[in-house]
Amino acid sequence: MNESGRVYWITGLAGSGKTTIGKQVYTRLKAQSDAVVFLDGDMVREAFGHDLGYSIADRHASAMRNARMCRMLALQGLDVVCATISMFHSCRAWNKANISHYYEIYLRVSKDTLMARNQKELYTGALNGQVQEVVGMDMDFEEPSQPDLIVVNEASASLEAIVTQILKLPE
């Protein structure tokens, strides 16, 4: 089987804009071809019946599940947009070694901006001791060391400009 599909792996902390940006990348790609799928870490967890928790081991298993699914779909000629925290160097290294058209996009956002966005109230919950196992708070995030693109997604960032930048990666 020839691997012809591309994988756009959009990673960053909760609230960094992964899903919003990923959906827009998907929409733009879908306008050009039907051979595109969008995967979101939360959606994949739901599809598998929430069988994994949020411990380090479960998060690693979930990340590798996403990675293998992306590879499988790409091998079938589909372009995949995957929005996931992907907190492990080992998972991203696996992607680079096993997916030939792999593009890693890291959404870097300041802690102040993440706290202001505070989606799902994860960060305030972690600060108040009500929520545990929050990446970037009580769990380390292994920041991508060699992504194909780093996007600083602060308030001044234009969604359209970010999406255009991502879609230029394969060129």
N, C-alpha and C. Protein backbone atom coordinates (compact mmCIF):
# COMPACT_ATOMS: atom_id res chain seq x y z
N MET A 1 0.84 -1.18 0.00
CA MET A 1 0.00 0.00 0.00
C MET A 1 0.89 1.25 0.00
N ASN A 2 0.64 2.18 -0.88
CA ASN A 2 1.41 3.43 -0.89
C ASN A 2 0.80 4.41 0.11
N GLU A 3 1.65 4.97 0.91
CA GLU A 3 1.18 5.94 1.88
C GLU A 3 1.11 7.30 1.20
N SER A 4 -0.09 7.74 0.89
CA SER A 4 -0.20 9.01 0.19
C SER A 4 -0.90 10.08 1.02
N GLY A 5 -1.56 9.68 2.09
CA GLY A 5 -2.24 10.67 2.90
C GLY A 5 -1.29 11.46 3.78
N ARG A 6 -1.69 12.67 4.08
CA ARG A 6 -0.91 13.55 4.96
C ARG A 6 -1.53 13.55 6.35
N VAL A 7 -0.70 13.70 7.36
CA VAL A 7 -1.19 13.82 8.73
C VAL A 7 -0.74 15.17 9.28
N TYR A 8 -1.72 15.98 9.64
CA TYR A 8 -1.48 17.26 10.30
C TYR A 8 -1.75 17.05 11.78
N TRP A 9 -0.69 16.94 12.56
CA TRP A 9 -0.76 16.65 13.99
C TRP A 9 -0.69 17.97 14.73
N ILE A 10 -1.82 18.46 15.21
CA ILE A 10 -1.90 19.76 15.87
C ILE A 10 -1.90 19.53 17.37
N THR A 11 -0.86 20.02 18.04
CA THR A 11 -0.68 19.74 19.45
C THR A 11 -0.47 21.02 20.26
N GLY A 12 -0.79 20.93 21.52
CA GLY A 12 -0.64 22.04 22.45
C GLY A 12 -1.45 21.74 23.69
N LEU A 13 -1.36 22.59 24.67
CA LEU A 13 -2.10 22.39 25.91
C LEU A 13 -3.59 22.64 25.72
N ALA A 14 -4.39 22.22 26.70
CA ALA A 14 -5.83 22.47 26.68
C ALA A 14 -6.07 23.98 26.59
N GLY A 15 -6.90 24.38 25.66
CA GLY A 15 -7.20 25.79 25.48
C GLY A 15 -6.28 26.50 24.51
N SER A 16 -5.37 25.78 23.89
CA SER A 16 -4.43 26.42 22.95
C SER A 16 -5.04 26.67 21.57
N GLY A 17 -6.20 26.07 21.30
CA GLY A 17 -6.87 26.29 20.02
C GLY A 17 -6.80 25.11 19.06
N LYS A 18 -6.39 23.96 19.56
CA LYS A 18 -6.21 22.78 18.69
C LYS A 18 -7.47 22.44 17.90
N THR A 19 -8.58 22.31 18.58
CA THR A 19 -9.83 21.91 17.92
C THR A 19 -10.31 22.98 16.96
N THR A 20 -10.30 24.21 17.37
CA THR A 20 -10.76 25.32 16.51
C THR A 20 -9.92 25.39 15.24
N ILE A 21 -8.62 25.35 15.39
CA ILE A 21 -7.73 25.43 14.23
C ILE A 21 -7.84 24.16 13.40
N GLY A 22 -7.87 23.01 14.07
CA GLY A 22 -7.98 21.74 13.35
C GLY A 22 -9.24 21.66 12.51
N LYS A 23 -10.36 22.11 13.03
CA LYS A 23 -11.62 22.09 12.26
C LYS A 23 -11.51 22.98 11.03
N GLN A 24 -10.84 24.11 11.15
CA GLN A 24 -10.69 25.01 10.00
C GLN A 24 -9.75 24.42 8.95
N VAL A 25 -8.68 23.76 9.40
CA VAL A 25 -7.78 23.08 8.46
C VAL A 25 -8.57 22.00 7.73
N TYR A 26 -9.34 21.22 8.47
CA TYR A 26 -10.19 20.17 7.89
C TYR A 26 -11.15 20.76 6.85
N THR A 27 -11.82 21.84 7.20
CA THR A 27 -12.79 22.46 6.30
C THR A 27 -12.13 22.90 4.99
N ARG A 28 -10.96 23.50 5.11
CA ARG A 28 -10.24 23.95 3.90
C ARG A 28 -9.81 22.76 3.05
N LEU A 29 -9.30 21.70 3.68
CA LEU A 29 -8.89 20.51 2.93
C LEU A 29 -10.10 19.81 2.32
N LYS A 30 -11.19 19.77 3.05
CA LYS A 30 -12.42 19.10 2.58
C LYS A 30 -12.99 19.80 1.35
N ALA A 31 -12.77 21.09 1.23
CA ALA A 31 -13.24 21.83 0.05
C ALA A 31 -12.49 21.39 -1.20
N GLN A 32 -11.31 20.80 -1.03
CA GLN A 32 -10.48 20.35 -2.15
C GLN A 32 -10.65 18.87 -2.44
N SER A 33 -11.04 18.08 -1.42
CA SER A 33 -11.09 16.62 -1.57
C SER A 33 -11.98 16.02 -0.48
N ASP A 34 -12.66 14.94 -0.83
CA ASP A 34 -13.46 14.23 0.17
C ASP A 34 -12.61 13.30 1.03
N ALA A 35 -11.37 13.08 0.66
CA ALA A 35 -10.50 12.12 1.35
C ALA A 35 -9.79 12.78 2.54
N VAL A 36 -10.60 13.32 3.46
CA VAL A 36 -10.07 14.02 4.62
C VAL A 36 -10.89 13.62 5.84
N VAL A 37 -10.21 13.40 6.96
CA VAL A 37 -10.91 13.14 8.21
C VAL A 37 -10.34 14.04 9.30
N PHE A 38 -11.18 14.33 10.29
CA PHE A 38 -10.78 15.13 11.44
C PHE A 38 -10.88 14.26 12.69
N LEU A 39 -9.81 14.19 13.44
CA LEU A 39 -9.80 13.47 14.71
C LEU A 39 -9.45 14.47 15.81
N ASP A 40 -10.18 14.39 16.88
CA ASP A 40 -9.93 15.22 18.05
C ASP A 40 -9.75 14.28 19.23
N GLY A 41 -8.79 14.57 20.08
CA GLY A 41 -8.50 13.69 21.21
C GLY A 41 -9.74 13.33 22.02
N ASP A 42 -10.59 14.30 22.31
CA ASP A 42 -11.82 14.02 23.08
C ASP A 42 -12.79 13.16 22.28
N MET A 43 -12.89 13.41 20.97
CA MET A 43 -13.79 12.61 20.13
C MET A 43 -13.33 11.15 20.06
N VAL A 44 -12.02 10.95 19.96
CA VAL A 44 -11.49 9.58 19.89
C VAL A 44 -11.74 8.86 21.21
N ARG A 45 -11.53 9.56 22.32
CA ARG A 45 -11.82 8.95 23.63
C ARG A 45 -13.28 8.50 23.70
N GLU A 46 -14.18 9.35 23.22
CA GLU A 46 -15.61 9.02 23.23
C GLU A 46 -15.90 7.83 22.31
N ALA A 47 -15.29 7.80 21.14
CA ALA A 47 -15.53 6.72 20.19
C ALA A 47 -15.12 5.36 20.76
N PHE A 48 -14.11 5.36 21.62
CA PHE A 48 -13.65 4.11 22.23
C PHE A 48 -14.28 3.88 23.60
N GLY A 49 -15.34 4.62 23.90
CA GLY A 49 -16.09 4.39 25.13
C GLY A 49 -15.41 4.86 26.40
N HIS A 50 -14.56 5.87 26.26
CA HIS A 50 -13.87 6.42 27.44
C HIS A 50 -13.19 5.31 28.26
N ASP A 51 -12.53 4.39 27.55
CA ASP A 51 -11.90 3.26 28.22
C ASP A 51 -10.55 3.61 28.85
N LEU A 52 -10.05 4.80 28.60
CA LEU A 52 -8.78 5.22 29.19
C LEU A 52 -9.01 6.45 30.06
N GLY A 53 -8.28 6.51 31.16
CA GLY A 53 -8.37 7.66 32.05
C GLY A 53 -7.35 8.73 31.67
N TYR A 54 -6.88 9.48 32.65
CA TYR A 54 -5.99 10.60 32.40
C TYR A 54 -4.65 10.47 33.13
N SER A 55 -4.34 9.27 33.58
CA SER A 55 -3.02 9.02 34.18
C SER A 55 -1.96 9.11 33.08
N ILE A 56 -0.70 9.15 33.48
CA ILE A 56 0.39 9.20 32.49
C ILE A 56 0.29 7.99 31.56
N ALA A 57 0.11 6.80 32.12
CA ALA A 57 0.05 5.58 31.30
C ALA A 57 -1.14 5.62 30.34
N ASP A 58 -2.31 6.03 30.84
CA ASP A 58 -3.49 6.10 29.97
C ASP A 58 -3.36 7.18 28.90
N ARG A 59 -2.76 8.31 29.27
CA ARG A 59 -2.54 9.37 28.28
C ARG A 59 -1.58 8.90 27.19
N HIS A 60 -0.55 8.15 27.58
CA HIS A 60 0.38 7.63 26.57
C HIS A 60 -0.33 6.63 25.66
N ALA A 61 -1.13 5.74 26.23
CA ALA A 61 -1.89 4.78 25.42
C ALA A 61 -2.83 5.50 24.47
N SER A 62 -3.47 6.54 24.95
CA SER A 62 -4.39 7.32 24.11
C SER A 62 -3.64 8.03 22.98
N ALA A 63 -2.49 8.61 23.30
CA ALA A 63 -1.69 9.30 22.27
C ALA A 63 -1.25 8.31 21.19
N MET A 64 -0.81 7.13 21.61
CA MET A 64 -0.37 6.14 20.64
C MET A 64 -1.55 5.58 19.84
N ARG A 65 -2.72 5.51 20.44
CA ARG A 65 -3.93 5.12 19.71
C ARG A 65 -4.19 6.12 18.60
N ASN A 66 -4.10 7.40 18.94
CA ASN A 66 -4.30 8.45 17.92
C ASN A 66 -3.26 8.33 16.82
N ALA A 67 -2.01 8.12 17.21
CA ALA A 67 -0.92 8.03 16.24
C ALA A 67 -1.13 6.87 15.28
N ARG A 68 -1.44 5.71 15.82
CA ARG A 68 -1.64 4.53 14.97
C ARG A 68 -2.86 4.67 14.06
N MET A 69 -3.91 5.32 14.59
CA MET A 69 -5.09 5.55 13.77
C MET A 69 -4.77 6.51 12.62
N CYS A 70 -4.00 7.54 12.91
CA CYS A 70 -3.59 8.48 11.86
C CYS A 70 -2.79 7.75 10.78
N ARG A 71 -1.86 6.91 11.20
CA ARG A 71 -1.05 6.16 10.24
C ARG A 71 -1.93 5.25 9.39
N MET A 72 -2.85 4.54 10.02
CA MET A 72 -3.74 3.63 9.30
C MET A 72 -4.55 4.38 8.25
N LEU A 73 -5.10 5.52 8.62
CA LEU A 73 -5.91 6.30 7.68
C LEU A 73 -5.06 6.88 6.56
N ALA A 74 -3.86 7.35 6.89
CA ALA A 74 -2.96 7.90 5.88
C ALA A 74 -2.55 6.81 4.89
N LEU A 75 -2.34 5.59 5.38
CA LEU A 75 -1.99 4.47 4.50
C LEU A 75 -3.10 4.17 3.49
N GLN A 76 -4.31 4.58 3.81
CA GLN A 76 -5.45 4.38 2.91
C GLN A 76 -5.68 5.60 2.01
N GLY A 77 -4.74 6.53 2.04
CA GLY A 77 -4.81 7.68 1.15
C GLY A 77 -5.59 8.86 1.69
N LEU A 78 -5.96 8.83 2.96
CA LEU A 78 -6.72 9.93 3.54
C LEU A 78 -5.78 10.96 4.16
N ASP A 79 -6.15 12.21 4.06
CA ASP A 79 -5.49 13.27 4.82
C ASP A 79 -6.16 13.30 6.18
N VAL A 80 -5.36 13.40 7.23
CA VAL A 80 -5.88 13.37 8.59
C VAL A 80 -5.45 14.64 9.32
N VAL A 81 -6.41 15.29 9.93
CA VAL A 81 -6.13 16.42 10.81
C VAL A 81 -6.43 15.91 12.21
N CYS A 82 -5.40 15.85 13.05
CA CYS A 82 -5.54 15.31 14.40
C CYS A 82 -5.20 16.39 15.42
N ALA A 83 -6.16 16.75 16.24
CA ALA A 83 -5.99 17.75 17.29
C ALA A 83 -5.89 17.03 18.63
N THR A 84 -4.71 17.05 19.24
CA THR A 84 -4.48 16.27 20.45
C THR A 84 -3.39 16.90 21.31
N ILE A 85 -3.50 16.77 22.62
CA ILE A 85 -2.46 17.31 23.50
C ILE A 85 -1.12 16.67 23.20
N SER A 86 -1.08 15.37 23.05
CA SER A 86 0.15 14.67 22.65
C SER A 86 1.35 15.16 23.45
N MET A 87 1.36 14.85 24.72
CA MET A 87 2.35 15.41 25.64
C MET A 87 3.68 14.67 25.67
N PHE A 88 3.88 13.66 24.83
CA PHE A 88 5.06 12.81 24.91
C PHE A 88 5.97 12.92 23.69
N HIS A 89 7.26 13.12 23.94
CA HIS A 89 8.24 13.11 22.85
C HIS A 89 8.20 11.77 22.13
N SER A 90 8.05 10.68 22.88
CA SER A 90 8.10 9.34 22.28
C SER A 90 6.99 9.14 21.25
N CYS A 91 5.82 9.66 21.50
CA CYS A 91 4.71 9.53 20.55
C CYS A 91 4.99 10.33 19.28
N ARG A 92 5.44 11.55 19.44
CA ARG A 92 5.72 12.38 18.27
C ARG A 92 6.90 11.80 17.48
N ALA A 93 7.88 11.22 18.16
CA ALA A 93 9.01 10.56 17.47
C ALA A 93 8.51 9.35 16.68
N TRP A 94 7.58 8.61 17.26
CA TRP A 94 6.99 7.46 16.56
C TRP A 94 6.31 7.95 15.28
N ASN A 95 5.57 9.03 15.38
CA ASN A 95 4.89 9.58 14.20
C ASN A 95 5.90 9.92 13.10
N LYS A 96 6.96 10.61 13.50
CA LYS A 96 7.97 11.01 12.51
C LYS A 96 8.62 9.80 11.85
N ALA A 97 8.79 8.73 12.60
CA ALA A 97 9.44 7.52 12.07
C ALA A 97 8.49 6.65 11.25
N ASN A 98 7.18 6.77 11.49
CA ASN A 98 6.23 5.83 10.89
C ASN A 98 5.19 6.43 9.95
N ILE A 99 5.15 7.74 9.86
CA ILE A 99 4.18 8.40 8.97
C ILE A 99 4.98 9.29 8.03
N SER A 100 4.99 8.93 6.76
CA SER A 100 5.90 9.63 5.84
C SER A 100 5.48 11.07 5.52
N HIS A 101 4.21 11.36 5.52
CA HIS A 101 3.75 12.73 5.24
C HIS A 101 3.16 13.32 6.53
N TYR A 102 4.04 13.46 7.52
CA TYR A 102 3.65 13.89 8.86
C TYR A 102 4.08 15.33 9.08
N TYR A 103 3.13 16.16 9.51
CA TYR A 103 3.41 17.57 9.76
C TYR A 103 2.96 17.90 11.18
N GLU A 104 3.92 18.25 12.01
CA GLU A 104 3.66 18.53 13.41
C GLU A 104 3.54 20.04 13.62
N ILE A 105 2.40 20.44 14.15
CA ILE A 105 2.13 21.85 14.40
C ILE A 105 1.95 22.02 15.91
N TYR A 106 2.79 22.85 16.49
CA TYR A 106 2.72 23.09 17.93
C TYR A 106 2.12 24.47 18.18
N LEU A 107 1.02 24.50 18.92
CA LEU A 107 0.37 25.75 19.29
C LEU A 107 0.90 26.18 20.65
N ARG A 108 1.73 27.18 20.64
CA ARG A 108 2.33 27.71 21.87
C ARG A 108 1.47 28.87 22.36
N VAL A 109 1.06 28.79 23.61
CA VAL A 109 0.19 29.80 24.20
C VAL A 109 0.70 30.08 25.62
N SER A 110 0.74 31.34 25.99
CA SER A 110 1.21 31.69 27.33
C SER A 110 0.26 31.14 28.40
N LYS A 111 0.81 30.92 29.56
CA LYS A 111 -0.01 30.42 30.68
C LYS A 111 -1.12 31.43 31.02
N ASP A 112 -0.81 32.73 30.92
CA ASP A 112 -1.83 33.75 31.20
C ASP A 112 -3.01 33.62 30.24
N THR A 113 -2.73 33.40 28.97
CA THR A 113 -3.81 33.26 27.98
C THR A 113 -4.61 31.99 28.24
N LEU A 114 -3.91 30.89 28.54
CA LEU A 114 -4.61 29.64 28.84
C LEU A 114 -5.52 29.81 30.05
N MET A 115 -5.02 30.49 31.07
CA MET A 115 -5.83 30.73 32.28
C MET A 115 -7.04 31.60 31.95
N ALA A 116 -6.86 32.58 31.08
CA ALA A 116 -7.97 33.45 30.70
C ALA A 116 -9.02 32.68 29.89
N ARG A 117 -8.56 31.81 29.00
CA ARG A 117 -9.50 31.00 28.21
C ARG A 117 -10.17 29.96 29.10
N ASN A 118 -9.36 29.26 29.90
CA ASN A 118 -9.80 28.30 30.91
C ASN A 118 -10.97 27.42 30.47
N GLN A 119 -10.86 26.87 29.27
CA GLN A 119 -11.92 25.99 28.77
C GLN A 119 -12.09 24.82 29.72
N LYS A 120 -13.31 24.42 29.92
CA LYS A 120 -13.66 23.29 30.78
C LYS A 120 -13.25 23.53 32.23
N GLU A 121 -12.83 24.74 32.56
CA GLU A 121 -12.41 25.12 33.91
C GLU A 121 -11.34 24.19 34.48
N LEU A 122 -10.51 23.64 33.58
CA LEU A 122 -9.44 22.74 34.01
C LEU A 122 -8.40 23.45 34.87
N TYR A 123 -7.97 24.61 34.41
CA TYR A 123 -6.88 25.30 35.11
C TYR A 123 -7.30 25.83 36.47
N THR A 124 -8.46 26.45 36.56
CA THR A 124 -8.91 26.93 37.88
C THR A 124 -9.21 25.74 38.78
N GLY A 125 -9.75 24.67 38.21
CA GLY A 125 -9.99 23.46 39.00
C GLY A 125 -8.71 22.88 39.56
N ALA A 126 -7.64 22.89 38.74
CA ALA A 126 -6.34 22.39 39.20
C ALA A 126 -5.77 23.29 40.29
N LEU A 127 -5.89 24.59 40.11
CA LEU A 127 -5.38 25.54 41.12
C LEU A 127 -6.12 25.40 42.45
N ASN A 128 -7.42 25.11 42.37
CA ASN A 128 -8.24 24.96 43.58
C ASN A 128 -8.17 23.55 44.18
N GLY A 129 -7.45 22.65 43.52
CA GLY A 129 -7.35 21.28 44.01
C GLY A 129 -8.56 20.42 43.71
N GLN A 130 -9.49 20.93 42.88
CA GLN A 130 -10.69 20.18 42.54
C GLN A 130 -10.50 19.22 41.37
N VAL A 131 -9.50 19.51 40.55
CA VAL A 131 -9.22 18.68 39.38
C VAL A 131 -7.75 18.28 39.43
N GLN A 132 -7.49 17.01 39.12
CA GLN A 132 -6.11 16.52 39.09
C GLN A 132 -5.81 16.00 37.70
N GLU A 133 -4.52 15.74 37.48
CA GLU A 133 -4.04 15.20 36.21
C GLU A 133 -4.32 16.17 35.05
N VAL A 134 -3.96 17.43 35.26
CA VAL A 134 -4.11 18.46 34.24
C VAL A 134 -2.72 18.74 33.65
N VAL A 135 -2.59 18.48 32.37
CA VAL A 135 -1.31 18.69 31.69
C VAL A 135 -0.98 20.18 31.72
N GLY A 136 0.25 20.47 32.12
CA GLY A 136 0.69 21.85 32.23
C GLY A 136 0.51 22.41 33.63
N MET A 137 -0.19 21.67 34.46
CA MET A 137 -0.37 22.10 35.85
C MET A 137 0.32 21.08 36.77
N ASP A 138 -0.34 19.95 37.03
CA ASP A 138 0.27 18.93 37.89
C ASP A 138 0.86 17.77 37.09
N MET A 139 0.81 17.87 35.77
CA MET A 139 1.44 16.88 34.88
C MET A 139 2.31 17.64 33.89
N ASP A 140 3.52 17.14 33.68
CA ASP A 140 4.44 17.80 32.75
C ASP A 140 3.99 17.64 31.31
N PHE A 141 4.26 18.66 30.53
CA PHE A 141 4.04 18.65 29.08
C PHE A 141 5.41 18.68 28.43
N GLU A 142 5.73 17.66 27.69
CA GLU A 142 7.01 17.62 26.98
C GLU A 142 6.84 18.44 25.70
N GLU A 143 7.24 19.69 25.78
CA GLU A 143 7.07 20.61 24.66
C GLU A 143 7.78 20.06 23.41
N PRO A 144 7.09 20.08 22.27
CA PRO A 144 7.73 19.58 21.04
C PRO A 144 9.06 20.27 20.78
N SER A 145 10.08 19.47 20.49
CA SER A 145 11.41 20.03 20.29
C SER A 145 11.72 20.36 18.84
N GLN A 146 11.06 19.68 17.90
CA GLN A 146 11.31 19.94 16.49
C GLN A 146 10.04 19.86 15.65
N PRO A 147 9.02 20.68 16.00
CA PRO A 147 7.82 20.65 15.18
C PRO A 147 8.09 21.28 13.82
N ASP A 148 7.25 20.97 12.86
CA ASP A 148 7.38 21.59 11.54
C ASP A 148 6.95 23.05 11.57
N LEU A 149 6.08 23.37 12.52
CA LEU A 149 5.59 24.75 12.63
C LEU A 149 5.24 25.03 14.08
N ILE A 150 5.69 26.18 14.57
CA ILE A 150 5.28 26.67 15.88
C ILE A 150 4.37 27.87 15.63
N VAL A 151 3.17 27.81 16.19
CA VAL A 151 2.21 28.91 16.07
C VAL A 151 2.02 29.50 17.46
N VAL A 152 2.31 30.78 17.59
CA VAL A 152 2.04 31.47 18.84
C VAL A 152 0.60 31.94 18.74
N ASN A 153 -0.29 31.23 19.44
CA ASN A 153 -1.72 31.47 19.31
C ASN A 153 -2.26 32.31 20.46
N GLU A 154 -1.86 33.56 20.45
CA GLU A 154 -2.36 34.52 21.44
C GLU A 154 -3.54 35.28 20.83
N ALA A 155 -4.08 36.22 21.55
CA ALA A 155 -5.29 36.93 21.13
C ALA A 155 -5.15 37.61 19.78
N SER A 156 -3.94 38.05 19.43
CA SER A 156 -3.76 38.78 18.17
C SER A 156 -3.64 37.86 16.96
N ALA A 157 -3.56 36.56 17.16
CA ALA A 157 -3.39 35.62 16.05
C ALA A 157 -4.67 35.51 15.22
N SER A 158 -4.51 35.54 13.90
CA SER A 158 -5.63 35.41 12.99
C SER A 158 -5.83 33.95 12.63
N LEU A 159 -7.04 33.44 12.86
CA LEU A 159 -7.35 32.04 12.55
C LEU A 159 -7.06 31.73 11.09
N GLU A 160 -7.49 32.59 10.20
CA GLU A 160 -7.28 32.37 8.77
C GLU A 160 -5.79 32.33 8.41
N ALA A 161 -5.01 33.21 9.01
CA ALA A 161 -3.57 33.23 8.75
C ALA A 161 -2.89 31.96 9.27
N ILE A 162 -3.32 31.50 10.44
CA ILE A 162 -2.75 30.28 11.00
C ILE A 162 -3.05 29.09 10.10
N VAL A 163 -4.30 28.97 9.66
CA VAL A 163 -4.70 27.85 8.80
C VAL A 163 -3.92 27.89 7.49
N THR A 164 -3.77 29.05 6.90
CA THR A 164 -3.02 29.19 5.65
C THR A 164 -1.57 28.76 5.86
N GLN A 165 -0.99 29.16 6.98
CA GLN A 165 0.39 28.78 7.30
C GLN A 165 0.51 27.25 7.41
N ILE A 166 -0.43 26.61 8.05
CA ILE A 166 -0.41 25.15 8.21
C ILE A 166 -0.53 24.47 6.85
N LEU A 167 -1.42 24.94 6.03
CA LEU A 167 -1.65 24.29 4.74
C LEU A 167 -0.50 24.50 3.75
N LYS A 168 0.41 25.41 4.04
CA LYS A 168 1.59 25.60 3.20
C LYS A 168 2.71 24.61 3.55
N LEU A 169 2.56 23.89 4.65
CA LEU A 169 3.62 22.98 5.10
C LEU A 169 4.07 21.96 4.07
N PRO A 170 3.19 21.29 3.37
CA PRO A 170 3.67 20.27 2.42
C PRO A 170 4.41 20.82 1.21
N GLU A 171 4.35 22.11 0.98
CA GLU A 171 4.97 22.68 -0.21
C GLU A 171 6.47 22.64 -0.13
